[in-house]
């Protein structure tokens, strides 16, 4: 995430508690707002950390951004992006009520669902998502039809290749085995792009549903689809502890 971002002036005013976005637009139109000594205009964007913005001649003080850590239950059909203007449905729309601007830690593809972490703490996000961390991620995957023992062995044994490189071994557990569907639980420690889907495709297996249920010690639990909540202090402590332990080992 860049150190500075450009945001719409009315959003900037709202974040500083001046007024709602709609009221802020009225204030801009009436000439009460200036940016860098010049009258502001609708549609104007400002640099979030260095802009000199005045309202009725009074300068707005820069706010120190509070660090936040969220868990979102991402539904299927939503893109993991905060800035794509062409995305009809994105996770940005699901966290609009969060007072701070956040970004995803890692991603879930459009047709996948489940636990997605978001934060505005760049150092935390980079440390947690770095490949060297080998953070465990738990997925519940529903496949069409039956999955043979041979296919299970290939999925879990680490003998499959993605992008010309072998996939690391993973843990696999059968949760349900029926005539028309099989439910597997995958535990991954590496984060290849669409890894589970691509591995299943190589074996001719059709993924009906893919849901991430845990990241490290963090569990999705009963959080409803499309809803988010802040991590508890204990949940955050455990995640940061994992990062610290890895850094000490290295």
C-alpha atoms as a PDB file:
ATOM      1  CA  UNK A   1       0.000   0.000   0.000  1.00  0.00           C
ATOM      2  CA  UNK A   2       1.479   3.403  -0.903  1.00  0.00           C
ATOM      3  CA  UNK A   3       2.395   5.801   1.879  1.00  0.00           C
ATOM      4  CA  UNK A   4       0.055   8.388   0.452  1.00  0.00           C
ATOM      5  CA  UNK A   5      -3.210   7.937  -1.351  1.00  0.00           C
ATOM      6  CA  UNK A   6      -5.377  10.363  -3.199  1.00  0.00           C
ATOM      7  CA  UNK A   7      -8.934  10.487  -1.944  1.00  0.00           C
ATOM      8  CA  UNK A   8     -11.958  12.539  -2.887  1.00  0.00           C
ATOM      9  CA  UNK A   9     -12.184  15.769  -0.945  1.00  0.00           C
ATOM     10  CA  UNK A  10     -15.673  15.094   0.369  1.00  0.00           C
ATOM     11  CA  UNK A  11     -14.471  11.747   1.769  1.00  0.00           C
ATOM     12  CA  UNK A  12     -11.476  13.499   3.333  1.00  0.00           C
ATOM     13  CA  UNK A  13     -13.789  15.991   5.043  1.00  0.00           C
ATOM     14  CA  UNK A  14     -16.041  13.190   6.279  1.00  0.00           C
ATOM     15  CA  UNK A  15     -13.067  11.270   7.688  1.00  0.00           C
ATOM     16  CA  UNK A  16     -12.066  14.368   9.623  1.00  0.00           C
ATOM     17  CA  UNK A  17     -15.529  14.675  11.139  1.00  0.00           C
ATOM     18  CA  UNK A  18     -16.413  17.906   9.356  1.00  0.00           C
ATOM     19  CA  UNK A  19     -19.670  16.665   7.851  1.00  0.00           C
ATOM     20  CA  UNK A  20     -21.257  13.809   5.945  1.00  0.00           C
ATOM     21  CA  UNK A  21     -20.115  13.384   2.356  1.00  0.00           C
ATOM     22  CA  UNK A  22     -23.326  14.930   1.019  1.00  0.00           C
ATOM     23  CA  UNK A  23     -23.055  17.913   3.362  1.00  0.00           C
ATOM     24  CA  UNK A  24     -19.371  18.237   2.502  1.00  0.00           C
ATOM     25  CA  UNK A  25     -20.282  18.542  -1.170  1.00  0.00           C
ATOM     26  CA  UNK A  26     -22.606  21.439  -0.314  1.00  0.00           C
ATOM     27  CA  UNK A  27     -19.809  23.114   1.659  1.00  0.00           C
ATOM     28  CA  UNK A  28     -17.437  22.749  -1.287  1.00  0.00           C
ATOM     29  CA  UNK A  29     -19.981  24.210  -3.699  1.00  0.00           C
ATOM     30  CA  UNK A  30     -20.629  27.170  -1.418  1.00  0.00           C
ATOM     31  CA  UNK A  31     -16.920  28.100  -1.373  1.00  0.00           C
ATOM     32  CA  UNK A  32     -16.289  27.311   2.285  1.00  0.00           C
ATOM     33  CA  UNK A  33     -13.492  24.825   1.543  1.00  0.00           C
ATOM     34  CA  UNK A  34      -9.999  25.626   0.237  1.00  0.00           C
ATOM     35  CA  UNK A  35      -7.157  23.281  -0.743  1.00  0.00           C
ATOM     36  CA  UNK A  36      -3.604  24.625  -0.683  1.00  0.00           C
ATOM     37  CA  UNK A  37      -4.982  28.160  -0.590  1.00  0.00           C
ATOM     38  CA  UNK A  38      -7.306  27.779  -3.559  1.00  0.00           C
ATOM     39  CA  UNK A  39     -11.088  27.307  -3.646  1.00  0.00           C
ATOM     40  CA  UNK A  40     -11.989  23.649  -3.761  1.00  0.00           C
ATOM     41  CA  UNK A  41     -14.194  22.100  -6.433  1.00  0.00           C
ATOM     42  CA  UNK A  42     -16.411  19.034  -6.640  1.00  0.00           C
ATOM     43  CA  UNK A  43     -14.595  15.918  -7.797  1.00  0.00           C
ATOM     44  CA  UNK A  44     -11.277  17.174  -6.464  1.00  0.00           C
ATOM     45  CA  UNK A  45      -8.893  14.672  -4.879  1.00  0.00           C
ATOM     46  CA  UNK A  46      -6.275  15.438  -2.248  1.00  0.00           C
ATOM     47  CA  UNK A  47      -3.217  13.708  -0.833  1.00  0.00           C
ATOM     48  CA  UNK A  48      -4.374  12.144   2.414  1.00  0.00           C
ATOM     49  CA  UNK A  49      -1.291  13.007   4.494  1.00  0.00           C
ATOM     50  CA  UNK A  50      -0.005  16.326   3.173  1.00  0.00           C
ATOM     51  CA  UNK A  51      -3.026  18.239   1.897  1.00  0.00           C
ATOM     52  CA  UNK A  52      -3.563  21.734   3.359  1.00  0.00           C
ATOM     53  CA  UNK A  53      -7.335  21.888   3.668  1.00  0.00           C
ATOM     54  CA  UNK A  54      -9.213  24.728   5.330  1.00  0.00           C
ATOM     55  CA  UNK A  55     -12.903  25.075   6.147  1.00  0.00           C
ATOM     56  CA  UNK A  56     -14.164  28.590   6.855  1.00  0.00           C
ATOM     57  CA  UNK A  57     -10.522  29.621   7.127  1.00  0.00           C
ATOM     58  CA  UNK A  58      -9.650  26.999   9.766  1.00  0.00           C
ATOM     59  CA  UNK A  59      -7.036  24.401   8.876  1.00  0.00           C
ATOM     60  CA  UNK A  60      -7.927  20.753   9.391  1.00  0.00           C
ATOM     61  CA  UNK A  61      -5.340  18.923  11.460  1.00  0.00           C
ATOM     62  CA  UNK A  62      -3.873  15.728  10.060  1.00  0.00           C
ATOM     63  CA  UNK A  63      -5.283  12.720  11.842  1.00  0.00           C
ATOM     64  CA  UNK A  64      -3.135   9.837  12.973  1.00  0.00           C
ATOM     65  CA  UNK A  65      -4.732   6.785  11.442  1.00  0.00           C
ATOM     66  CA  UNK A  66      -5.832   4.147  13.921  1.00  0.00           C
ATOM     67  CA  UNK A  67      -4.624   0.664  13.053  1.00  0.00           C
ATOM     68  CA  UNK A  68      -7.494  -1.758  12.532  1.00  0.00           C
ATOM     69  CA  UNK A  69      -7.662  -5.494  11.887  1.00  0.00           C
ATOM     70  CA  UNK A  70     -10.843  -7.003  10.458  1.00  0.00           C
ATOM     71  CA  UNK A  71     -12.239 -10.401   9.607  1.00  0.00           C
ATOM     72  CA  UNK A  72     -14.713 -10.515   6.698  1.00  0.00           C
ATOM     73  CA  UNK A  73     -16.899 -13.432   5.628  1.00  0.00           C
ATOM     74  CA  UNK A  74     -16.574 -12.965   1.878  1.00  0.00           C
ATOM     75  CA  UNK A  75     -19.482 -14.345  -0.157  1.00  0.00           C
ATOM     76  CA  UNK A  76     -19.121 -15.882  -3.591  1.00  0.00           C
ATOM     77  CA  UNK A  77     -19.283 -13.449  -6.488  1.00  0.00           C
ATOM     78  CA  UNK A  78     -17.269 -10.676  -4.820  1.00  0.00           C
ATOM     79  CA  UNK A  79     -13.857  -9.662  -6.130  1.00  0.00           C
ATOM     80  CA  UNK A  80     -11.028  -9.214  -3.635  1.00  0.00           C
ATOM     81  CA  UNK A  81     -10.185  -5.643  -4.591  1.00  0.00           C
ATOM     82  CA  UNK A  82     -10.606  -2.212  -3.044  1.00  0.00           C
ATOM     83  CA  UNK A  83     -10.052  -0.003  -6.074  1.00  0.00           C
ATOM     84  CA  UNK A  84     -11.341  -1.649  -9.268  1.00  0.00           C
ATOM     85  CA  UNK A  85     -14.009   0.741 -10.631  1.00  0.00           C
ATOM     86  CA  UNK A  86     -15.233  -1.917 -13.073  1.00  0.00           C
ATOM     87  CA  UNK A  87     -15.999  -4.514 -10.394  1.00  0.00           C
ATOM     88  CA  UNK A  88     -19.760  -4.734  -9.898  1.00  0.00           C
ATOM     89  CA  UNK A  89     -19.318  -6.431  -6.542  1.00  0.00           C
ATOM     90  CA  UNK A  90     -16.123  -6.093  -4.505  1.00  0.00           C
ATOM     91  CA  UNK A  91     -15.132  -6.571  -0.892  1.00  0.00           C
ATOM     92  CA  UNK A  92     -14.698  -2.783  -0.671  1.00  0.00           C
ATOM     93  CA  UNK A  93     -18.498  -2.496  -0.700  1.00  0.00           C
ATOM     94  CA  UNK A  94     -18.766  -4.882   2.240  1.00  0.00           C
ATOM     95  CA  UNK A  95     -16.502  -2.852   4.542  1.00  0.00           C
ATOM     96  CA  UNK A  96     -17.777   0.637   3.679  1.00  0.00           C
ATOM     97  CA  UNK A  97     -18.941   1.078   7.269  1.00  0.00           C
ATOM     98  CA  UNK A  98     -15.389   0.734   8.571  1.00  0.00           C
ATOM     99  CA  UNK A  99     -14.194   4.273   9.467  1.00  0.00           C
ATOM    100  CA  UNK A 100     -10.637   3.512   8.327  1.00  0.00           C
ATOM    101  CA  UNK A 101      -9.491   2.594   4.839  1.00  0.00           C
ATOM    102  CA  UNK A 102      -8.386  -1.042   4.829  1.00  0.00           C
ATOM    103  CA  UNK A 103      -6.969  -3.482   2.288  1.00  0.00           C
ATOM    104  CA  UNK A 104      -6.988  -7.298   2.047  1.00  0.00           C
ATOM    105  CA  UNK A 105      -4.243  -9.518   3.423  1.00  0.00           C
ATOM    106  CA  UNK A 106      -3.900 -11.977   0.561  1.00  0.00           C
ATOM    107  CA  UNK A 107      -6.934 -12.783  -1.516  1.00  0.00           C
ATOM    108  CA  UNK A 108      -9.792 -15.133  -2.288  1.00  0.00           C
ATOM    109  CA  UNK A 109     -10.824 -15.555  -5.909  1.00  0.00           C
ATOM    110  CA  UNK A 110     -14.226 -14.369  -7.055  1.00  0.00           C
ATOM    111  CA  UNK A 111     -16.015 -17.715  -6.761  1.00  0.00           C
ATOM    112  CA  UNK A 112     -14.463 -18.631  -3.408  1.00  0.00           C
ATOM    113  CA  UNK A 113     -15.845 -17.604  -0.042  1.00  0.00           C
ATOM    114  CA  UNK A 114     -14.957 -17.477   3.602  1.00  0.00           C
ATOM    115  CA  UNK A 115     -12.439 -15.797   5.863  1.00  0.00           C
ATOM    116  CA  UNK A 116     -10.622 -12.754   4.507  1.00  0.00           C
ATOM    117  CA  UNK A 117      -8.401 -10.537   6.657  1.00  0.00           C
ATOM    118  CA  UNK A 118      -8.301  -6.776   6.053  1.00  0.00           C
ATOM    119  CA  UNK A 119      -6.168  -4.137   7.743  1.00  0.00           C
ATOM    120  CA  UNK A 120      -4.447  -0.781   7.301  1.00  0.00           C
ATOM    121  CA  UNK A 121      -1.252  -2.072   8.922  1.00  0.00           C
ATOM    122  CA  UNK A 122       1.103  -2.633   6.008  1.00  0.00           C
ATOM    123  CA  UNK A 123       3.910  -4.166   8.051  1.00  0.00           C
ATOM    124  CA  UNK A 124       1.542  -6.684   9.627  1.00  0.00           C
ATOM    125  CA  UNK A 125       0.012  -7.605   6.258  1.00  0.00           C
ATOM    126  CA  UNK A 126       3.384  -8.076   4.584  1.00  0.00           C
ATOM    127  CA  UNK A 127       4.743 -10.197   7.437  1.00  0.00           C
ATOM    128  CA  UNK A 128       1.666 -12.433   7.642  1.00  0.00           C
ATOM    129  CA  UNK A 129       1.365 -12.997   3.891  1.00  0.00           C
ATOM    130  CA  UNK A 130       5.064 -13.521   3.163  1.00  0.00           C
ATOM    131  CA  UNK A 131       5.695 -17.012   1.728  1.00  0.00           C
ATOM    132  CA  UNK A 132       8.370 -17.704   4.345  1.00  0.00           C
ATOM    133  CA  UNK A 133       5.745 -17.626   7.078  1.00  0.00           C
ATOM    134  CA  UNK A 134       4.046 -20.807   5.827  1.00  0.00           C
ATOM    135  CA  UNK A 135       0.819 -19.703   7.487  1.00  0.00           C
ATOM    136  CA  UNK A 136      -1.706 -22.529   7.695  1.00  0.00           C
ATOM    137  CA  UNK A 137      -4.968 -21.891   5.878  1.00  0.00           C
ATOM    138  CA  UNK A 138      -7.917 -24.239   6.198  1.00  0.00           C
ATOM    139  CA  UNK A 139     -10.386 -24.799   3.340  1.00  0.00           C
ATOM    140  CA  UNK A 140     -13.618 -26.782   3.095  1.00  0.00           C
ATOM    141  CA  UNK A 141     -13.991 -27.933  -0.512  1.00  0.00           C
ATOM    142  CA  UNK A 142     -17.032 -29.623  -2.051  1.00  0.00           C
ATOM    143  CA  UNK A 143     -16.341 -31.614  -5.222  1.00  0.00           C
ATOM    144  CA  UNK A 144     -18.751 -33.205  -7.673  1.00  0.00           C
ATOM    145  CA  UNK A 145     -18.879 -36.979  -7.495  1.00  0.00           C
ATOM    146  CA  UNK A 146     -16.448 -39.276  -5.739  1.00  0.00           C
ATOM    147  CA  UNK A 147     -12.720 -38.730  -5.188  1.00  0.00           C
ATOM    148  CA  UNK A 148     -10.622 -41.859  -5.454  1.00  0.00           C
ATOM    149  CA  UNK A 149      -7.848 -42.762  -3.038  1.00  0.00           C
ATOM    150  CA  UNK A 150      -5.366 -42.256  -5.864  1.00  0.00           C
ATOM    151  CA  UNK A 151      -6.647 -38.728  -6.460  1.00  0.00           C
ATOM    152  CA  UNK A 152      -6.485 -37.986  -2.732  1.00  0.00           C
ATOM    153  CA  UNK A 153      -2.902 -39.209  -2.630  1.00  0.00           C
ATOM    154  CA  UNK A 154      -1.941 -37.010  -5.576  1.00  0.00           C
ATOM    155  CA  UNK A 155      -3.604 -33.972  -4.015  1.00  0.00           C
ATOM    156  CA  UNK A 156      -1.869 -34.368  -0.665  1.00  0.00           C
ATOM    157  CA  UNK A 157       1.451 -35.948  -1.638  1.00  0.00           C
ATOM    158  CA  UNK A 158       3.180 -32.948  -3.138  1.00  0.00           C
ATOM    159  CA  UNK A 159       3.811 -34.620  -6.494  1.00  0.00           C
ATOM    160  CA  UNK A 160       1.716 -32.160  -8.503  1.00  0.00           C
ATOM    161  CA  UNK A 161       3.161 -29.229 -10.425  1.00  0.00           C
ATOM    162  CA  UNK A 162       1.886 -25.655 -10.711  1.00  0.00           C
ATOM    163  CA  UNK A 163       3.618 -23.127 -12.975  1.00  0.00           C
ATOM    164  CA  UNK A 164       6.427 -25.589 -13.531  1.00  0.00           C
ATOM    165  CA  UNK A 165       7.183 -25.996  -9.830  1.00  0.00           C
ATOM    166  CA  UNK A 166       6.103 -28.803  -7.487  1.00  0.00           C
ATOM    167  CA  UNK A 167       3.319 -27.995  -5.060  1.00  0.00           C
ATOM    168  CA  UNK A 168       4.243 -28.489  -1.421  1.00  0.00           C
ATOM    169  CA  UNK A 169       2.617 -31.419   0.409  1.00  0.00           C
ATOM    170  CA  UNK A 170      -0.621 -30.556   2.177  1.00  0.00           C
ATOM    171  CA  UNK A 171      -2.910 -32.136   4.726  1.00  0.00           C
ATOM    172  CA  UNK A 172      -6.137 -33.622   3.399  1.00  0.00           C
ATOM    173  CA  UNK A 173      -9.098 -34.963   5.334  1.00  0.00           C
ATOM    174  CA  UNK A 174     -12.359 -36.456   4.029  1.00  0.00           C
ATOM    175  CA  UNK A 175     -15.347 -34.836   5.726  1.00  0.00           C
ATOM    176  CA  UNK A 176     -18.078 -36.491   3.645  1.00  0.00           C
ATOM    177  CA  UNK A 177     -18.089 -39.080   0.844  1.00  0.00           C
ATOM    178  CA  UNK A 178     -21.364 -39.554  -1.030  1.00  0.00           C
ATOM    179  CA  UNK A 179     -22.339 -40.814  -4.456  1.00  0.00           C
ATOM    180  CA  UNK A 180     -22.786 -37.353  -5.948  1.00  0.00           C
ATOM    181  CA  UNK A 181     -20.326 -35.294  -3.911  1.00  0.00           C
ATOM    182  CA  UNK A 182     -17.227 -35.389  -1.742  1.00  0.00           C
ATOM    183  CA  UNK A 183     -16.302 -32.830   0.905  1.00  0.00           C
ATOM    184  CA  UNK A 184     -12.603 -32.461   1.659  1.00  0.00           C
ATOM    185  CA  UNK A 185     -10.727 -30.320   4.146  1.00  0.00           C
ATOM    186  CA  UNK A 186      -7.439 -28.917   2.831  1.00  0.00           C
ATOM    187  CA  UNK A 187      -4.702 -27.450   5.039  1.00  0.00           C
ATOM    188  CA  UNK A 188      -2.278 -25.359   2.967  1.00  0.00           C
ATOM    189  CA  UNK A 189       0.988 -23.760   3.997  1.00  0.00           C
ATOM    190  CA  UNK A 190       1.825 -22.075   0.710  1.00  0.00           C
ATOM    191  CA  UNK A 191      -0.217 -19.531  -1.163  1.00  0.00           C
ATOM    192  CA  UNK A 192      -0.166 -20.298  -4.896  1.00  0.00           C
ATOM    193  CA  UNK A 193      -2.758 -18.490  -6.987  1.00  0.00           C
ATOM    194  CA  UNK A 194      -5.997 -20.565  -7.115  1.00  0.00           C
ATOM    195  CA  UNK A 195      -3.963 -23.533  -5.914  1.00  0.00           C
ATOM    196  CA  UNK A 196      -6.756 -25.872  -4.854  1.00  0.00           C
ATOM    197  CA  UNK A 197      -8.880 -25.219  -7.925  1.00  0.00           C
ATOM    198  CA  UNK A 198      -5.956 -25.731 -10.288  1.00  0.00           C
ATOM    199  CA  UNK A 199      -4.859 -28.964  -8.607  1.00  0.00           C
ATOM    200  CA  UNK A 200      -8.386 -30.333  -8.758  1.00  0.00           C
ATOM    201  CA  UNK A 201      -8.714 -29.346 -12.415  1.00  0.00           C
ATOM    202  CA  UNK A 202      -5.546 -31.290 -13.232  1.00  0.00           C
ATOM    203  CA  UNK A 203      -7.180 -34.417 -11.804  1.00  0.00           C
ATOM    204  CA  UNK A 204     -10.503 -33.846 -13.571  1.00  0.00           C
ATOM    205  CA  UNK A 205     -12.296 -32.901 -10.355  1.00  0.00           C
ATOM    206  CA  UNK A 206     -15.010 -30.228 -10.426  1.00  0.00           C
ATOM    207  CA  UNK A 207     -15.084 -27.816  -7.493  1.00  0.00           C
ATOM    208  CA  UNK A 208     -18.641 -26.972  -6.493  1.00  0.00           C
ATOM    209  CA  UNK A 209     -17.792 -24.868  -3.461  1.00  0.00           C
ATOM    210  CA  UNK A 210     -14.607 -23.604  -1.850  1.00  0.00           C
ATOM    211  CA  UNK A 211     -14.669 -21.938   1.541  1.00  0.00           C
ATOM    212  CA  UNK A 212     -11.750 -20.744   3.679  1.00  0.00           C
ATOM    213  CA  UNK A 213     -12.576 -21.395   7.307  1.00  0.00           C
ATOM    214  CA  UNK A 214      -9.352 -20.495   9.122  1.00  0.00           C
ATOM    215  CA  UNK A 215      -6.066 -18.604   8.829  1.00  0.00           C
ATOM    216  CA  UNK A 216      -3.461 -19.702  11.380  1.00  0.00           C
ATOM    217  CA  UNK A 217      -5.229 -19.571  14.760  1.00  0.00           C
ATOM    218  CA  UNK A 218      -8.061 -17.404  13.444  1.00  0.00           C
ATOM    219  CA  UNK A 219     -11.414 -19.138  12.849  1.00  0.00           C
ATOM    220  CA  UNK A 220     -14.322 -17.844  10.774  1.00  0.00           C
ATOM    221  CA  UNK A 221     -16.842 -19.267  13.213  1.00  0.00           C
ATOM    222  CA  UNK A 222     -20.457 -18.121  12.911  1.00  0.00           C
ATOM    223  CA  UNK A 223     -19.794 -14.755  11.283  1.00  0.00           C
ATOM    224  CA  UNK A 224     -22.613 -14.273   8.709  1.00  0.00           C
ATOM    225  CA  UNK A 225     -21.824 -13.964   4.999  1.00  0.00           C
ATOM    226  CA  UNK A 226     -21.092 -10.415   3.927  1.00  0.00           C
ATOM    227  CA  UNK A 227     -20.433  -9.252   7.490  1.00  0.00           C
ATOM    228  CA  UNK A 228     -17.211  -8.139   9.135  1.00  0.00           C
ATOM    229  CA  UNK A 229     -15.959  -7.677  12.665  1.00  0.00           C
ATOM    230  CA  UNK A 230     -12.798  -6.445  14.339  1.00  0.00           C
ATOM    231  CA  UNK A 231     -10.369  -9.037  15.621  1.00  0.00           C
ATOM    232  CA  UNK A 232     -10.315  -9.442  19.368  1.00  0.00           C
ATOM    233  CA  UNK A 233      -7.119  -8.448  21.203  1.00  0.00           C
ATOM    234  CA  UNK A 234      -6.404 -12.143  21.846  1.00  0.00           C
ATOM    235  CA  UNK A 235      -6.863 -13.091  18.172  1.00  0.00           C
ATOM    236  CA  UNK A 236      -4.518 -10.303  17.120  1.00  0.00           C
ATOM    237  CA  UNK A 237      -1.975 -11.233  19.791  1.00  0.00           C
ATOM    238  CA  UNK A 238      -1.827 -14.822  18.517  1.00  0.00           C
ATOM    239  CA  UNK A 239      -1.331 -13.759  14.895  1.00  0.00           C
ATOM    240  CA  UNK A 240       1.430 -11.317  15.813  1.00  0.00           C
ATOM    241  CA  UNK A 241       3.008 -13.956  18.044  1.00  0.00           C
ATOM    242  CA  UNK A 242       3.229 -16.317  15.080  1.00  0.00           C
ATOM    243  CA  UNK A 243       5.029 -13.661  13.026  1.00  0.00           C
ATOM    244  CA  UNK A 244       7.420 -12.935  15.871  1.00  0.00           C
ATOM    245  CA  UNK A 245       8.234 -16.623  16.371  1.00  0.00           C
ATOM    246  CA  UNK A 246       9.081 -17.022  12.686  1.00  0.00           C
ATOM    247  CA  UNK A 247      11.332 -13.976  12.732  1.00  0.00           C
ATOM    248  CA  UNK A 248      13.168 -15.313  15.794  1.00  0.00           C
ATOM    249  CA  UNK A 249      13.748 -18.705  14.139  1.00  0.00           C
ATOM    250  CA  UNK A 250      15.260 -17.031  11.102  1.00  0.00           C
END
